[in-house]
C-alpha atoms as a PDB file:
ATOM      1  CA  LEU A   1       0.000   0.000   0.000  1.00  0.00           C
ATOM      2  CA  GLU A   2       2.890   2.349   0.705  1.00  0.00           C
ATOM      3  CA  LEU A   3       4.163   1.858  -2.854  1.00  0.00           C
ATOM      4  CA  MET A   4       0.719   2.473  -4.360  1.00  0.00           C
ATOM      5  CA  LYS A   5       0.154   5.534  -2.153  1.00  0.00           C
ATOM      6  CA  GLU A   6       3.372   7.022  -3.551  1.00  0.00           C
ATOM      7  CA  VAL A   7       2.085   6.466  -7.100  1.00  0.00           C
ATOM      8  CA  VAL A   8      -1.315   7.983  -6.291  1.00  0.00           C
ATOM      9  CA  ASP A   9       0.181  10.975  -4.453  1.00  0.00           C
ATOM     10  CA  LYS A  10       2.614  11.668  -7.289  1.00  0.00           C
ATOM     11  CA  ALA A  11      -0.176  11.526  -9.881  1.00  0.00           C
ATOM     12  CA  ALA A  12      -2.396  13.745  -7.712  1.00  0.00           C
ATOM     13  CA  GLU A  13       0.344  16.348  -7.335  1.00  0.00           C
ATOM     14  CA  ALA A  14       0.851  16.402 -11.103  1.00  0.00           C
ATOM     15  CA  VAL A  15      -2.873  16.947 -11.682  1.00  0.00           C
ATOM     16  CA  PHE A  16      -3.036  19.630  -8.975  1.00  0.00           C
ATOM     17  CA  ALA A  17      -0.114  21.463 -10.590  1.00  0.00           C
ATOM     18  CA  GLU A  18      -1.672  21.157 -14.049  1.00  0.00           C
ATOM     19  CA  GLN A  19      -5.121  22.317 -12.905  1.00  0.00           C
ATOM     20  CA  GLY A  20      -3.916  24.979 -10.482  1.00  0.00           C
ATOM     21  CA  LYS A  21      -6.123  23.753  -7.662  1.00  0.00           C
ATOM     22  CA  ARG A  22      -6.172  21.052  -5.030  1.00  0.00           C
ATOM     23  CA  ILE A  23      -8.856  18.783  -3.675  1.00  0.00           C
ATOM     24  CA  GLU A  24      -8.879  16.561  -0.638  1.00  0.00           C
ATOM     25  CA  TYR A  25      -8.591  12.842  -1.389  1.00  0.00           C
ATOM     26  CA  PHE A  26      -7.993   9.674   0.540  1.00  0.00           C
ATOM     27  CA  VAL A  27      -5.890   6.646  -0.214  1.00  0.00           C
ATOM     28  CA  GLY A  28      -7.097   3.356   1.159  1.00  0.00           C
ATOM     29  CA  THR A  29      -7.542  -0.251   0.249  1.00  0.00           C
ATOM     30  CA  MET A  30      -9.915  -3.120  -0.189  1.00  0.00           C
ATOM     31  CA  ILE A  31      -9.758  -5.740   2.539  1.00  0.00           C
ATOM     32  CA  GLU A  32     -10.529  -8.981   0.720  1.00  0.00           C
ATOM     33  CA  LEU A  33      -8.210 -11.495   2.355  1.00  0.00           C
ATOM     34  CA  PRO A  34      -8.265 -12.854   5.918  1.00  0.00           C
ATOM     35  CA  ARG A  35      -4.620 -11.894   6.420  1.00  0.00           C
ATOM     36  CA  ALA A  36      -5.366  -8.303   5.449  1.00  0.00           C
ATOM     37  CA  ALA A  37      -8.143  -8.196   8.060  1.00  0.00           C
ATOM     38  CA  LEU A  38      -5.782  -9.564  10.692  1.00  0.00           C
ATOM     39  CA  MET A  39      -3.047  -7.069   9.747  1.00  0.00           C
ATOM     40  CA  ALA A  40      -5.399  -4.076   9.627  1.00  0.00           C
ATOM     41  CA  ASP A  41      -3.502  -2.172  12.310  1.00  0.00           C
ATOM     42  CA  GLU A  42      -0.392  -2.138  10.132  1.00  0.00           C
ATOM     43  CA  ILE A  43      -2.323  -1.397   6.939  1.00  0.00           C
ATOM     44  CA  ALA A  44      -4.036   1.559   8.655  1.00  0.00           C
ATOM     45  CA  GLN A  45      -0.645   3.205   9.129  1.00  0.00           C
ATOM     46  CA  VAL A  46      -0.952   4.113   5.440  1.00  0.00           C
ATOM     47  CA  GLY A  47      -4.575   3.443   4.506  1.00  0.00           C
ATOM     48  CA  GLU A  48      -7.095   6.172   5.247  1.00  0.00           C
ATOM     49  CA  PHE A  49     -10.057   3.908   4.483  1.00  0.00           C
ATOM     50  CA  PHE A  50     -10.892   0.235   4.214  1.00  0.00           C
ATOM     51  CA  SER A  51     -13.562  -1.095   1.934  1.00  0.00           C
ATOM     52  CA  PHE A  52     -14.329  -4.670   2.880  1.00  0.00           C
ATOM     53  CA  GLY A  53     -14.844  -6.577  -0.358  1.00  0.00           C
ATOM     54  CA  THR A  54     -17.276  -9.004   1.198  1.00  0.00           C
ATOM     55  CA  ASN A  55     -17.734 -11.181  -1.893  1.00  0.00           C
ATOM     56  CA  ASP A  56     -14.018 -11.983  -2.085  1.00  0.00           C
ATOM     57  CA  LEU A  57     -13.542 -11.967   1.695  1.00  0.00           C
ATOM     58  CA  THR A  58     -16.315 -14.558   1.944  1.00  0.00           C
ATOM     59  CA  GLN A  59     -14.684 -16.699  -0.755  1.00  0.00           C
ATOM     60  CA  THR A  60     -11.232 -16.558   0.806  1.00  0.00           C
ATOM     61  CA  THR A  61     -12.459 -17.050   4.368  1.00  0.00           C
ATOM     62  CA  LEU A  62     -14.658 -20.025   3.526  1.00  0.00           C
ATOM     63  CA  GLY A  63     -12.359 -21.414   0.849  1.00  0.00           C
ATOM     64  CA  VAL A  64     -15.369 -21.593  -1.459  1.00  0.00           C
ATOM     65  CA  SER A  65     -15.658 -20.166  -4.958  1.00  0.00           C
ATOM     66  CA  ARG A  66     -18.934 -18.318  -5.407  1.00  0.00           C
ATOM     67  CA  ASP A  67     -18.917 -19.564  -8.999  1.00  0.00           C
ATOM     68  CA  ASP A  68     -19.116 -23.179  -7.799  1.00  0.00           C
ATOM     69  CA  ALA A  69     -21.060 -22.637  -4.579  1.00  0.00           C
ATOM     70  CA  ALA A  70     -24.529 -22.647  -6.137  1.00  0.00           C
ATOM     71  CA  ARG A  71     -24.171 -26.391  -6.727  1.00  0.00           C
ATOM     72  CA  PHE A  72     -23.886 -27.247  -3.014  1.00  0.00           C
ATOM     73  CA  LEU A  73     -24.650 -24.266  -0.753  1.00  0.00           C
ATOM     74  CA  THR A  74     -28.382 -24.954  -0.817  1.00  0.00           C
ATOM     75  CA  HIS A  75     -27.655 -28.353   0.753  1.00  0.00           C
ATOM     76  CA  TYR A  76     -25.464 -26.681   3.401  1.00  0.00           C
ATOM     77  CA  VAL A  77     -28.296 -24.279   4.282  1.00  0.00           C
ATOM     78  CA  ASP A  78     -30.844 -27.139   4.304  1.00  0.00           C
ATOM     79  CA  LYS A  79     -28.646 -29.129   6.695  1.00  0.00           C
ATOM     80  CA  GLY A  80     -28.089 -26.120   8.986  1.00  0.00           C
ATOM     81  CA  ILE A  81     -24.378 -25.775   8.255  1.00  0.00           C
ATOM     82  CA  TYR A  82     -25.096 -22.170   7.276  1.00  0.00           C
ATOM     83  CA  ALA A  83     -28.202 -20.267   8.346  1.00  0.00           C
ATOM     84  CA  THR A  84     -28.341 -18.594   4.928  1.00  0.00           C
ATOM     85  CA  ASP A  85     -26.272 -18.542   1.761  1.00  0.00           C
ATOM     86  CA  PRO A  86     -23.112 -16.667   2.870  1.00  0.00           C
ATOM     87  CA  PHE A  87     -22.894 -15.019  -0.560  1.00  0.00           C
ATOM     88  CA  VAL A  88     -26.353 -13.499  -0.061  1.00  0.00           C
ATOM     89  CA  SER A  89     -26.256 -12.594   3.626  1.00  0.00           C
ATOM     90  CA  LEU A  90     -22.966 -11.997   5.405  1.00  0.00           C
ATOM     91  CA  ASP A  91     -21.561 -14.876   7.460  1.00  0.00           C
ATOM     92  CA  VAL A  92     -21.428 -12.797  10.629  1.00  0.00           C
ATOM     93  CA  GLU A  93     -19.826 -15.524  12.744  1.00  0.00           C
ATOM     94  CA  GLY A  94     -16.864 -16.033  10.402  1.00  0.00           C
ATOM     95  CA  VAL A  95     -16.440 -13.258   7.857  1.00  0.00           C
ATOM     96  CA  GLY A  96     -18.108 -10.777  10.199  1.00  0.00           C
ATOM     97  CA  GLN A  97     -15.616 -11.602  12.915  1.00  0.00           C
ATOM     98  CA  LEU A  98     -12.773 -10.730  10.544  1.00  0.00           C
ATOM     99  CA  ILE A  99     -14.478  -7.420   9.696  1.00  0.00           C
ATOM    100  CA  GLU A 100     -14.900  -6.638  13.406  1.00  0.00           C
ATOM    101  CA  ILE A 101     -11.245  -7.463  14.110  1.00  0.00           C
ATOM    102  CA  ALA A 102     -10.099  -5.296  11.198  1.00  0.00           C
ATOM    103  CA  ALA A 103     -12.354  -2.422  12.283  1.00  0.00           C
ATOM    104  CA  ILE A 104     -10.984  -2.493  15.830  1.00  0.00           C
ATOM    105  CA  LYS A 105      -7.371  -2.814  14.691  1.00  0.00           C
ATOM    106  CA  GLY A 106      -7.762  -0.162  11.993  1.00  0.00           C
ATOM    107  CA  ARG A 107      -9.334   2.301  14.444  1.00  0.00           C
ATOM    108  CA  THR A 108      -6.635   1.572  17.031  1.00  0.00           C
ATOM    109  CA  THR A 109      -4.016   2.798  14.567  1.00  0.00           C
ATOM    110  CA  ARG A 110      -6.123   5.465  12.852  1.00  0.00           C
ATOM    111  CA  PRO A 111      -9.193   6.524  14.894  1.00  0.00           C
ATOM    112  CA  ASP A 112     -10.664   8.524  11.980  1.00  0.00           C
ATOM    113  CA  ILE A 113     -10.361   5.726   9.392  1.00  0.00           C
ATOM    114  CA  LYS A 114     -13.382   5.344   7.105  1.00  0.00           C
ATOM    115  CA  LEU A 115     -14.762   1.812   6.976  1.00  0.00           C
ATOM    116  CA  GLY A 116     -17.336   0.278   4.675  1.00  0.00           C
ATOM    117  CA  ILE A 117     -18.307  -2.722   2.636  1.00  0.00           C
ATOM    118  CA  CYS A 118     -18.820  -3.196  -1.060  1.00  0.00           C
ATOM    119  CA  GLY A 119     -20.368  -6.072  -2.866  1.00  0.00           C
ATOM    120  CA  GLU A 120     -23.747  -7.702  -2.924  1.00  0.00           C
ATOM    121  CA  HIS A 121     -23.862  -7.834   0.880  1.00  0.00           C
ATOM    122  CA  GLY A 122     -24.152  -4.036   0.772  1.00  0.00           C
ATOM    123  CA  GLY A 123     -27.741  -4.460  -0.392  1.00  0.00           C
ATOM    124  CA  ASP A 124     -28.764  -7.139   2.107  1.00  0.00           C
ATOM    125  CA  PRO A 125     -30.761  -5.836   5.106  1.00  0.00           C
ATOM    126  CA  ALA A 126     -29.288  -8.362   7.573  1.00  0.00           C
ATOM    127  CA  SER A 127     -25.744  -7.544   6.436  1.00  0.00           C
ATOM    128  CA  ILE A 128     -26.470  -3.819   6.700  1.00  0.00           C
ATOM    129  CA  ALA A 129     -27.691  -4.315  10.276  1.00  0.00           C
ATOM    130  CA  PHE A 130     -24.353  -5.973  11.057  1.00  0.00           C
ATOM    131  CA  CYS A 131     -22.488  -3.046   9.459  1.00  0.00           C
ATOM    132  CA  GLU A 132     -24.429  -0.562  11.576  1.00  0.00           C
ATOM    133  CA  LYS A 133     -23.759  -2.560  14.756  1.00  0.00           C
ATOM    134  CA  THR A 134     -20.067  -2.738  13.881  1.00  0.00           C
ATOM    135  CA  GLY A 135     -19.926   1.015  13.272  1.00  0.00           C
ATOM    136  CA  LEU A 136     -19.042   0.962   9.601  1.00  0.00           C
ATOM    137  CA  ASP A 137     -19.409   4.277   7.803  1.00  0.00           C
ATOM    138  CA  TYR A 138     -20.899   3.200   4.477  1.00  0.00           C
ATOM    139  CA  VAL A 139     -22.135   0.373   2.311  1.00  0.00           C
ATOM    140  CA  SER A 140     -21.874   0.154  -1.442  1.00  0.00           C
ATOM    141  CA  ALA A 141     -24.205  -1.970  -3.522  1.00  0.00           C
ATOM    142  CA  SER A 142     -25.437  -2.554  -7.050  1.00  0.00           C
ATOM    143  CA  PRO A 143     -27.624   0.331  -8.249  1.00  0.00           C
ATOM    144  CA  TYR A 144     -30.828  -1.726  -8.150  1.00  0.00           C
ATOM    145  CA  ARG A 145     -30.146  -2.579  -4.475  1.00  0.00           C
ATOM    146  CA  VAL A 146     -29.541   1.009  -3.334  1.00  0.00           C
ATOM    147  CA  PRO A 147     -33.175   1.716  -2.297  1.00  0.00           C
ATOM    148  CA  ILE A 148     -33.219  -1.460  -0.181  1.00  0.00           C
ATOM    149  CA  ALA A 149     -29.830  -0.575   1.283  1.00  0.00           C
ATOM    150  CA  ARG A 150     -30.950   2.946   2.221  1.00  0.00           C
ATOM    151  CA  LEU A 151     -34.092   1.680   3.916  1.00  0.00           C
ATOM    152  CA  ALA A 152     -32.220  -1.071   5.773  1.00  0.00           C
ATOM    153  CA  ALA A 153     -29.516   1.393   6.889  1.00  0.00           C
ATOM    154  CA  ALA A 154     -32.150   3.807   8.229  1.00  0.00           C
ATOM    155  CA  GLN A 155     -33.922   0.989  10.079  1.00  0.00           C
ATOM    156  CA  ALA A 156     -30.652  -0.273  11.578  1.00  0.00           C
ATOM    157  CA  ALA A 157     -29.663   3.237  12.685  1.00  0.00           C
ATOM    158  CA  LEU A 158     -33.063   3.723  14.359  1.00  0.00           C
ATOM    159  CA  ARG A 159     -32.765   0.371  16.168  1.00  0.00           C
ATOM    160  CA  ASN A 160     -29.313   1.279  17.457  1.00  0.00           C
ATOM    161  CA  ALA A 161     -30.439   4.739  18.556  1.00  0.00           C
ATOM    162  CA  GLN A 162     -33.012   3.278  20.954  1.00  0.00           C
END
């Protein structure tokens, strides 16, 4: 991330000089691997935001390709191995634990770090409730899921305010 931040900062400075004005920007990273979540305190030394790529984080945490999962995940849900399809609703006990660890570690290093998720979980009401409980700042979802995401985020915020 340090190497990429240098590239981004150099390009930004060139654009600022060319345009004769500056804007504020942030350099951060996707957290899509379990090791990245566990090393979040070190990553936050450079990263000003984390966007948890929950589709890939789910794949790498579970060791399951979402491309192949449709063939057997229904059986796992039917047998109670998973409460729901973890590619539809966030696996809070596993993947969620990694997000919580990364959020705590990231905020320990950088208290003002921006944290969010992107991927299909960003449009799932149960996943959004988890994000609100965990104190994430934003969710990103497919355009058609944005209205659902906004409603679910408002409902989760109201529940937590009580």
